[in-house]
Amino acid sequence: MADAEGVRLSFDEEACEFRWDEIAAVESEKGRFGKRFTVTVHTPDRRWYPIEIIAPDRGGIAVWETELDAVLDAYFDDAS
């Protein structure tokens, strides 16, 4: 989840939350084999936190990537 408050990653019962002031960068990458999508949050102290998501179909990845890009563009445009 990425929104005005920051980025939250969760997998099963594990979760972590990052406020925008705790984030240096966010990367996303489509997997080579179909329905996998990886989001990595980088912090200013040079740590990174990746999560791999498996979409129900390839179209879901395109939607997620577009929506994530929109949130990141809004944040980084507002931050400058």
PDB file of N, CA and C in Angstrom:
ATOM      1  N   MET A   1       0.854  -1.168   0.000  1.00  0.00           N
ATOM      2  CA  MET A   1       0.000   0.000   0.000  1.00  0.00           C
ATOM      3  C   MET A   1       0.900   1.231   0.000  1.00  0.00           C
ATOM      4  N   ALA A   2       0.637   2.155  -0.887  1.00  0.00           N
ATOM      5  CA  ALA A   2       1.343   3.434  -0.922  1.00  0.00           C
ATOM      6  C   ALA A   2       0.294   4.526  -1.020  1.00  0.00           C
ATOM      7  N   ASP A   3       0.378   5.499  -0.109  1.00  0.00           N
ATOM      8  CA  ASP A   3      -0.593   6.589  -0.120  1.00  0.00           C
ATOM      9  C   ASP A   3       0.028   7.842   0.477  1.00  0.00           C
ATOM     10  N   ALA A   4      -0.777   8.808   0.834  1.00  0.00           N
ATOM     11  CA  ALA A   4      -0.283  10.089   1.344  1.00  0.00           C
ATOM     12  C   ALA A   4       0.507   9.943   2.645  1.00  0.00           C
ATOM     13  N   GLU A   5       0.269   8.881   3.402  1.00  0.00           N
ATOM     14  CA  GLU A   5       0.963   8.678   4.676  1.00  0.00           C
ATOM     15  C   GLU A   5       2.337   8.036   4.495  1.00  0.00           C
ATOM     16  N   GLY A   6       2.516   7.239   3.445  1.00  0.00           N
ATOM     17  CA  GLY A   6       3.783   6.553   3.231  1.00  0.00           C
ATOM     18  C   GLY A   6       3.574   5.239   2.514  1.00  0.00           C
ATOM     19  N   VAL A   7       4.432   4.276   2.831  1.00  0.00           N
ATOM     20  CA  VAL A   7       4.386   2.965   2.185  1.00  0.00           C
ATOM     21  C   VAL A   7       4.317   1.894   3.265  1.00  0.00           C
ATOM     22  N   ARG A   8       3.420   0.936   3.075  1.00  0.00           N
ATOM     23  CA  ARG A   8       3.289  -0.191   3.989  1.00  0.00           C
ATOM     24  C   ARG A   8       3.461  -1.477   3.200  1.00  0.00           C
ATOM     25  N   LEU A   9       4.318  -2.344   3.700  1.00  0.00           N
ATOM     26  CA  LEU A   9       4.551  -3.645   3.087  1.00  0.00           C
ATOM     27  C   LEU A   9       4.099  -4.715   4.069  1.00  0.00           C
ATOM     28  N   SER A  10       3.463  -5.754   3.571  1.00  0.00           N
ATOM     29  CA  SER A  10       3.079  -6.849   4.457  1.00  0.00           C
ATOM     30  C   SER A  10       3.120  -8.166   3.701  1.00  0.00           C
ATOM     31  N   PHE A  11       3.423  -9.220   4.441  1.00  0.00           N
ATOM     32  CA  PHE A  11       3.462 -10.566   3.892  1.00  0.00           C
ATOM     33  C   PHE A  11       3.065 -11.510   5.001  1.00  0.00           C
ATOM     34  N   ASP A  12       2.004 -12.243   4.797  1.00  0.00           N
ATOM     35  CA  ASP A  12       1.428 -13.089   5.836  1.00  0.00           C
ATOM     36  C   ASP A  12       1.203 -12.239   7.080  1.00  0.00           C
ATOM     37  N   GLU A  13       1.832 -12.576   8.186  1.00  0.00           N
ATOM     38  CA  GLU A  13       1.616 -11.816   9.423  1.00  0.00           C
ATOM     39  C   GLU A  13       2.712 -10.793   9.690  1.00  0.00           C
ATOM     40  N   GLU A  14       3.675 -10.666   8.802  1.00  0.00           N
ATOM     41  CA  GLU A  14       4.756  -9.691   8.948  1.00  0.00           C
ATOM     42  C   GLU A  14       4.394  -8.407   8.206  1.00  0.00           C
ATOM     43  N   ALA A  15       4.727  -7.258   8.791  1.00  0.00           N
ATOM     44  CA  ALA A  15       4.433  -5.983   8.146  1.00  0.00           C
ATOM     45  C   ALA A  15       5.431  -4.923   8.585  1.00  0.00           C
ATOM     46  N   CYS A  16       5.634  -3.933   7.732  1.00  0.00           N
ATOM     47  CA  CYS A  16       6.444  -2.775   8.100  1.00  0.00           C
ATOM     48  C   CYS A  16       5.844  -1.548   7.427  1.00  0.00           C
ATOM     49  N   GLU A  17       5.983  -0.421   8.095  1.00  0.00           N
ATOM     50  CA  GLU A  17       5.441   0.836   7.590  1.00  0.00           C
ATOM     51  C   GLU A  17       6.546   1.868   7.535  1.00  0.00           C
ATOM     52  N   PHE A  18       6.513   2.684   6.482  1.00  0.00           N
ATOM     53  CA  PHE A  18       7.487   3.749   6.299  1.00  0.00           C
ATOM     54  C   PHE A  18       6.745   5.051   6.029  1.00  0.00           C
ATOM     55  N   ARG A  19       7.010   6.075   6.834  1.00  0.00           N
ATOM     56  CA  ARG A  19       6.500   7.413   6.523  1.00  0.00           C
ATOM     57  C   ARG A  19       7.365   7.976   5.407  1.00  0.00           C
ATOM     58  N   TRP A  20       6.847   8.963   4.687  1.00  0.00           N
ATOM     59  CA  TRP A  20       7.607   9.514   3.571  1.00  0.00           C
ATOM     60  C   TRP A  20       8.954  10.069   4.010  1.00  0.00           C
ATOM     61  N   ASP A  21       9.054  10.606   5.221  1.00  0.00           N
ATOM     62  CA  ASP A  21      10.344  11.144   5.668  1.00  0.00           C
ATOM     63  C   ASP A  21      11.355  10.050   5.994  1.00  0.00           C
ATOM     64  N   GLU A  22      10.927   8.790   6.001  1.00  0.00           N
ATOM     65  CA  GLU A  22      11.823   7.654   6.239  1.00  0.00           C
ATOM     66  C   GLU A  22      12.252   6.969   4.936  1.00  0.00           C
ATOM     67  N   ILE A  23      11.801   7.482   3.804  1.00  0.00           N
ATOM     68  CA  ILE A  23      12.028   6.821   2.518  1.00  0.00           C
ATOM     69  C   ILE A  23      12.993   7.636   1.663  1.00  0.00           C
ATOM     70  N   ALA A  24      14.033   6.972   1.191  1.00  0.00           N
ATOM     71  CA  ALA A  24      14.962   7.614   0.255  1.00  0.00           C
ATOM     72  C   ALA A  24      14.549   7.332  -1.189  1.00  0.00           C
ATOM     73  N   ALA A  25      14.031   6.131  -1.440  1.00  0.00           N
ATOM     74  CA  ALA A  25      13.605   5.760  -2.800  1.00  0.00           C
ATOM     75  C   ALA A  25      12.683   4.547  -2.722  1.00  0.00           C
ATOM     76  N   VAL A  26      11.894   4.382  -3.769  1.00  0.00           N
ATOM     77  CA  VAL A  26      11.049   3.196  -3.922  1.00  0.00           C
ATOM     78  C   VAL A  26      11.264   2.695  -5.348  1.00  0.00           C
ATOM     79  N   GLU A  27      11.571   1.416  -5.465  1.00  0.00           N
ATOM     80  CA  GLU A  27      11.771   0.794  -6.779  1.00  0.00           C
ATOM     81  C   GLU A  27      10.705  -0.269  -6.993  1.00  0.00           C
ATOM     82  N   SER A  28      10.348  -0.454  -8.247  1.00  0.00           N
ATOM     83  CA  SER A  28       9.472  -1.575  -8.579  1.00  0.00           C
ATOM     84  C   SER A  28      10.048  -2.274  -9.800  1.00  0.00           C
ATOM     85  N   GLU A  29       9.813  -3.559  -9.867  1.00  0.00           N
ATOM     86  CA  GLU A  29      10.363  -4.351 -10.965  1.00  0.00           C
ATOM     87  C   GLU A  29       9.417  -5.501 -11.276  1.00  0.00           C
ATOM     88  N   LYS A  30       9.134  -5.677 -12.552  1.00  0.00           N
ATOM     89  CA  LYS A  30       8.339  -6.824 -12.992  1.00  0.00           C
ATOM     90  C   LYS A  30       9.242  -8.040 -13.046  1.00  0.00           C
ATOM     91  N   GLY A  31       8.716  -9.164 -12.636  1.00  0.00           N
ATOM     92  CA  GLY A  31       9.468 -10.404 -12.730  1.00  0.00           C
ATOM     93  C   GLY A  31       9.560 -10.885 -14.165  1.00  0.00           C
ATOM     94  N   ARG A  32      10.557 -11.671 -14.436  1.00  0.00           N
ATOM     95  CA  ARG A  32      10.737 -12.208 -15.795  1.00  0.00           C
ATOM     96  C   ARG A  32       9.720 -13.275 -16.133  1.00  0.00           C
ATOM     97  N   PHE A  33       9.143 -13.903 -15.135  1.00  0.00           N
ATOM     98  CA  PHE A  33       8.291 -15.061 -15.384  1.00  0.00           C
ATOM     99  C   PHE A  33       6.844 -14.797 -15.014  1.00  0.00           C
ATOM    100  N   GLY A  34       6.237 -13.839 -15.657  1.00  0.00           N
ATOM    101  CA  GLY A  34       4.800 -13.688 -15.553  1.00  0.00           C
ATOM    102  C   GLY A  34       4.228 -12.771 -14.522  1.00  0.00           C
ATOM    103  N   LYS A  35       3.762 -13.325 -13.418  1.00  0.00           N
ATOM    104  CA  LYS A  35       2.897 -12.584 -12.525  1.00  0.00           C
ATOM    105  C   LYS A  35       3.582 -12.047 -11.267  1.00  0.00           C
ATOM    106  N   ARG A  36       4.895 -11.970 -11.247  1.00  0.00           N
ATOM    107  CA  ARG A  36       5.596 -11.483 -10.058  1.00  0.00           C
ATOM    108  C   ARG A  36       5.969 -10.016 -10.208  1.00  0.00           C
ATOM    109  N   PHE A  37       5.841  -9.287  -9.100  1.00  0.00           N
ATOM    110  CA  PHE A  37       6.110  -7.853  -9.062  1.00  0.00           C
ATOM    111  C   PHE A  37       6.831  -7.586  -7.736  1.00  0.00           C
ATOM    112  N   THR A  38       7.990  -6.943  -7.799  1.00  0.00           N
ATOM    113  CA  THR A  38       8.757  -6.667  -6.588  1.00  0.00           C
ATOM    114  C   THR A  38       8.775  -5.169  -6.323  1.00  0.00           C
ATOM    115  N   VAL A  39       8.486  -4.798  -5.083  1.00  0.00           N
ATOM    116  CA  VAL A  39       8.581  -3.404  -4.634  1.00  0.00           C
ATOM    117  C   VAL A  39       9.641  -3.372  -3.546  1.00  0.00           C
ATOM    118  N   THR A  40      10.587  -2.435  -3.674  1.00  0.00           N
ATOM    119  CA  THR A  40      11.655  -2.294  -2.686  1.00  0.00           C
ATOM    120  C   THR A  40      11.666  -0.867  -2.168  1.00  0.00           C
ATOM    121  N   VAL A  41      11.611  -0.729  -0.843  1.00  0.00           N
ATOM    122  CA  VAL A  41      11.714   0.576  -0.199  1.00  0.00           C
ATOM    123  C   VAL A  41      13.148   0.726   0.302  1.00  0.00           C
ATOM    124  N   HIS A  42      13.782   1.840  -0.059  1.00  0.00           N
ATOM    125  CA  HIS A  42      15.142   2.157   0.388  1.00  0.00           C
ATOM    126  C   HIS A  42      15.057   3.273   1.424  1.00  0.00           C
ATOM    127  N   THR A  43      15.799   3.131   2.509  1.00  0.00           N
ATOM    128  CA  THR A  43      15.808   4.153   3.551  1.00  0.00           C
ATOM    129  C   THR A  43      17.093   4.980   3.464  1.00  0.00           C
ATOM    130  N   PRO A  44      17.110   6.166   4.071  1.00  0.00           N
ATOM    131  CA  PRO A  44      18.305   7.011   4.025  1.00  0.00           C
ATOM    132  C   PRO A  44      19.553   6.352   4.637  1.00  0.00           C
ATOM    133  N   ASP A  45      19.372   5.400   5.546  1.00  0.00           N
ATOM    134  CA  ASP A  45      20.525   4.731   6.161  1.00  0.00           C
ATOM    135  C   ASP A  45      21.019   3.536   5.336  1.00  0.00           C
ATOM    136  N   ARG A  46      20.668   3.523   4.061  1.00  0.00           N
ATOM    137  CA  ARG A  46      21.138   2.531   3.086  1.00  0.00           C
ATOM    138  C   ARG A  46      20.654   1.106   3.352  1.00  0.00           C
ATOM    139  N   ARG A  47      19.505   0.979   3.945  1.00  0.00           N
ATOM    140  CA  ARG A  47      18.867  -0.340   4.087  1.00  0.00           C
ATOM    141  C   ARG A  47      17.763  -0.431   3.043  1.00  0.00           C
ATOM    142  N   TRP A  48      17.392  -1.647   2.693  1.00  0.00           N
ATOM    143  CA  TRP A  48      16.322  -1.813   1.736  1.00  0.00           C
ATOM    144  C   TRP A  48      15.415  -2.943   2.187  1.00  0.00           C
ATOM    145  N   TYR A  49      14.156  -2.821   1.820  1.00  0.00           N
ATOM    146  CA  TYR A  49      13.124  -3.750   2.240  1.00  0.00           C
ATOM    147  C   TYR A  49      12.298  -4.144   1.024  1.00  0.00           C
ATOM    148  N   PRO A  50      12.567  -5.326   0.464  1.00  0.00           N
ATOM    149  CA  PRO A  50      11.811  -5.762  -0.712  1.00  0.00           C
ATOM    150  C   PRO A  50      10.618  -6.634  -0.327  1.00  0.00           C
ATOM    151  N   ILE A  51       9.625  -6.609  -1.170  1.00  0.00           N
ATOM    152  CA  ILE A  51       8.515  -7.551  -1.051  1.00  0.00           C
ATOM    153  C   ILE A  51       8.144  -7.995  -2.457  1.00  0.00           C
ATOM    154  N   GLU A  52       7.953  -9.283  -2.631  1.00  0.00           N
ATOM    155  CA  GLU A  52       7.544  -9.824  -3.921  1.00  0.00           C
ATOM    156  C   GLU A  52       6.058 -10.144  -3.848  1.00  0.00           C
ATOM    157  N   ILE A  53       5.347  -9.646  -4.840  1.00  0.00           N
ATOM    158  CA  ILE A  53       3.901  -9.823  -4.896  1.00  0.00           C
ATOM    159  C   ILE A  53       3.591 -10.699  -6.100  1.00  0.00           C
ATOM    160  N   ILE A  54       2.651 -11.611  -5.938  1.00  0.00           N
ATOM    161  CA  ILE A  54       2.212 -12.441  -7.059  1.00  0.00           C
ATOM    162  C   ILE A  54       0.805 -11.990  -7.426  1.00  0.00           C
ATOM    163  N   ALA A  55       0.672 -11.490  -8.644  1.00  0.00           N
ATOM    164  CA  ALA A  55      -0.614 -10.987  -9.127  1.00  0.00           C
ATOM    165  C   ALA A  55      -1.486 -12.134  -9.625  1.00  0.00           C
ATOM    166  N   PRO A  56      -2.794 -11.931  -9.598  1.00  0.00           N
ATOM    167  CA  PRO A  56      -3.677 -12.967 -10.140  1.00  0.00           C
ATOM    168  C   PRO A  56      -3.491 -13.146 -11.653  1.00  0.00           C
ATOM    169  N   ASP A  57      -3.053 -12.072 -12.324  1.00  0.00           N
ATOM    170  CA  ASP A  57      -2.778 -12.140 -13.760  1.00  0.00           C
ATOM    171  C   ASP A  57      -1.794 -11.034 -14.131  1.00  0.00           C
ATOM    172  N   ARG A  58      -1.250 -11.092 -15.345  1.00  0.00           N
ATOM    173  CA  ARG A  58      -0.260 -10.099 -15.772  1.00  0.00           C
ATOM    174  C   ARG A  58      -0.840  -8.693 -15.833  1.00  0.00           C
ATOM    175  N   GLY A  59      -2.115  -8.578 -16.166  1.00  0.00           N
ATOM    176  CA  GLY A  59      -2.769  -7.268 -16.225  1.00  0.00           C
ATOM    177  C   GLY A  59      -2.767  -6.575 -14.879  1.00  0.00           C
ATOM    178  N   GLY A  60      -2.846  -7.350 -13.809  1.00  0.00           N
ATOM    179  CA  GLY A  60      -2.811  -6.777 -12.458  1.00  0.00           C
ATOM    180  C   GLY A  60      -1.506  -6.063 -12.179  1.00  0.00           C
ATOM    181  N   ILE A  61      -0.417  -6.598 -12.682  1.00  0.00           N
ATOM    182  CA  ILE A  61       0.893  -5.981 -12.472  1.00  0.00           C
ATOM    183  C   ILE A  61       0.943  -4.614 -13.146  1.00  0.00           C
ATOM    184  N   ALA A  62       0.437  -4.506 -14.343  1.00  0.00           N
ATOM    185  CA  ALA A  62       0.439  -3.225 -15.055  1.00  0.00           C
ATOM    186  C   ALA A  62      -0.369  -2.179 -14.287  1.00  0.00           C
ATOM    187  N   VAL A  63      -1.499  -2.581 -13.756  1.00  0.00           N
ATOM    188  CA  VAL A  63      -2.331  -1.665 -12.967  1.00  0.00           C
ATOM    189  C   VAL A  63      -1.587  -1.240 -11.710  1.00  0.00           C
ATOM    190  N   TRP A  64      -0.997  -2.196 -10.986  1.00  0.00           N
ATOM    191  CA  TRP A  64      -0.271  -1.866  -9.756  1.00  0.00           C
ATOM    192  C   TRP A  64       0.883  -0.917 -10.043  1.00  0.00           C
ATOM    193  N   GLU A  65       1.618  -1.186 -11.123  1.00  0.00           N
ATOM    194  CA  GLU A  65       2.767  -0.350 -11.454  1.00  0.00           C
ATOM    195  C   GLU A  65       2.327   1.082 -11.786  1.00  0.00           C
ATOM    196  N   THR A  66       1.254   1.215 -12.527  1.00  0.00           N
ATOM    197  CA  THR A  66       0.724   2.536 -12.872  1.00  0.00           C
ATOM    198  C   THR A  66       0.269   3.285 -11.625  1.00  0.00           C
ATOM    199  N   GLU A  67      -0.434   2.604 -10.732  1.00  0.00           N
ATOM    200  CA  GLU A  67      -0.920   3.241  -9.514  1.00  0.00           C
ATOM    201  C   GLU A  67       0.229   3.623  -8.584  1.00  0.00           C
ATOM    202  N   LEU A  68       1.225   2.771  -8.457  1.00  0.00           N
ATOM    203  CA  LEU A  68       2.387   3.079  -7.628  1.00  0.00           C
ATOM    204  C   LEU A  68       3.136   4.279  -8.196  1.00  0.00           C
ATOM    205  N   ASP A  69       3.330   4.310  -9.499  1.00  0.00           N
ATOM    206  CA  ASP A  69       4.001   5.447 -10.134  1.00  0.00           C
ATOM    207  C   ASP A  69       3.251   6.753  -9.870  1.00  0.00           C
ATOM    208  N   ALA A  70       1.924   6.714  -9.908  1.00  0.00           N
ATOM    209  CA  ALA A  70       1.124   7.922  -9.661  1.00  0.00           C
ATOM    210  C   ALA A  70       1.328   8.431  -8.236  1.00  0.00           C
ATOM    211  N   VAL A  71       1.346   7.530  -7.263  1.00  0.00           N
ATOM    212  CA  VAL A  71       1.561   7.934  -5.872  1.00  0.00           C
ATOM    213  C   VAL A  71       2.968   8.492  -5.692  1.00  0.00           C
ATOM    214  N   LEU A  72       3.965   7.829  -6.254  1.00  0.00           N
ATOM    215  CA  LEU A  72       5.348   8.301  -6.128  1.00  0.00           C
ATOM    216  C   LEU A  72       5.532   9.649  -6.817  1.00  0.00           C
ATOM    217  N   ASP A  73       4.929   9.828  -8.000  1.00  0.00           N
ATOM    218  CA  ASP A  73       5.018  11.112  -8.689  1.00  0.00           C
ATOM    219  C   ASP A  73       4.387  12.214  -7.852  1.00  0.00           C
ATOM    220  N   ALA A  74       3.237  11.934  -7.257  1.00  0.00           N
ATOM    221  CA  ALA A  74       2.560  12.938  -6.432  1.00  0.00           C
ATOM    222  C   ALA A  74       3.413  13.304  -5.228  1.00  0.00           C
ATOM    223  N   TYR A  75       3.991  12.310  -4.567  1.00  0.00           N
ATOM    224  CA  TYR A  75       4.820  12.600  -3.394  1.00  0.00           C
ATOM    225  C   TYR A  75       6.060  13.386  -3.777  1.00  0.00           C
ATOM    226  N   PHE A  76       6.805  12.910  -4.747  1.00  0.00           N
ATOM    227  CA  PHE A  76       8.073  13.553  -5.084  1.00  0.00           C
ATOM    228  C   PHE A  76       7.848  14.917  -5.727  1.00  0.00           C
ATOM    229  N   ASP A  77       6.757  15.142  -6.447  1.00  0.00           N
ATOM    230  CA  ASP A  77       6.441  16.467  -6.969  1.00  0.00           C
ATOM    231  C   ASP A  77       6.121  17.428  -5.836  1.00  0.00           C
ATOM    232  N   ASP A  78       5.366  16.947  -4.813  1.00  0.00           N
ATOM    233  CA  ASP A  78       5.018  17.779  -3.665  1.00  0.00           C
ATOM    234  C   ASP A  78       6.234  18.065  -2.798  1.00  0.00           C
ATOM    235  N   ALA A  79       7.169  17.129  -2.728  1.00  0.00           N
ATOM    236  CA  ALA A  79       8.332  17.264  -1.842  1.00  0.00           C
ATOM    237  C   ALA A  79       9.365  18.248  -2.376  1.00  0.00           C
ATOM    238  N   SER A  80       9.345  18.535  -3.681  1.00  0.00           N
ATOM    239  CA  SER A  80      10.383  19.422  -4.219  1.00  0.00           C
ATOM    240  C   SER A  80      10.053  20.872  -4.043  1.00  0.00           C
TER     241      SER A  80
END
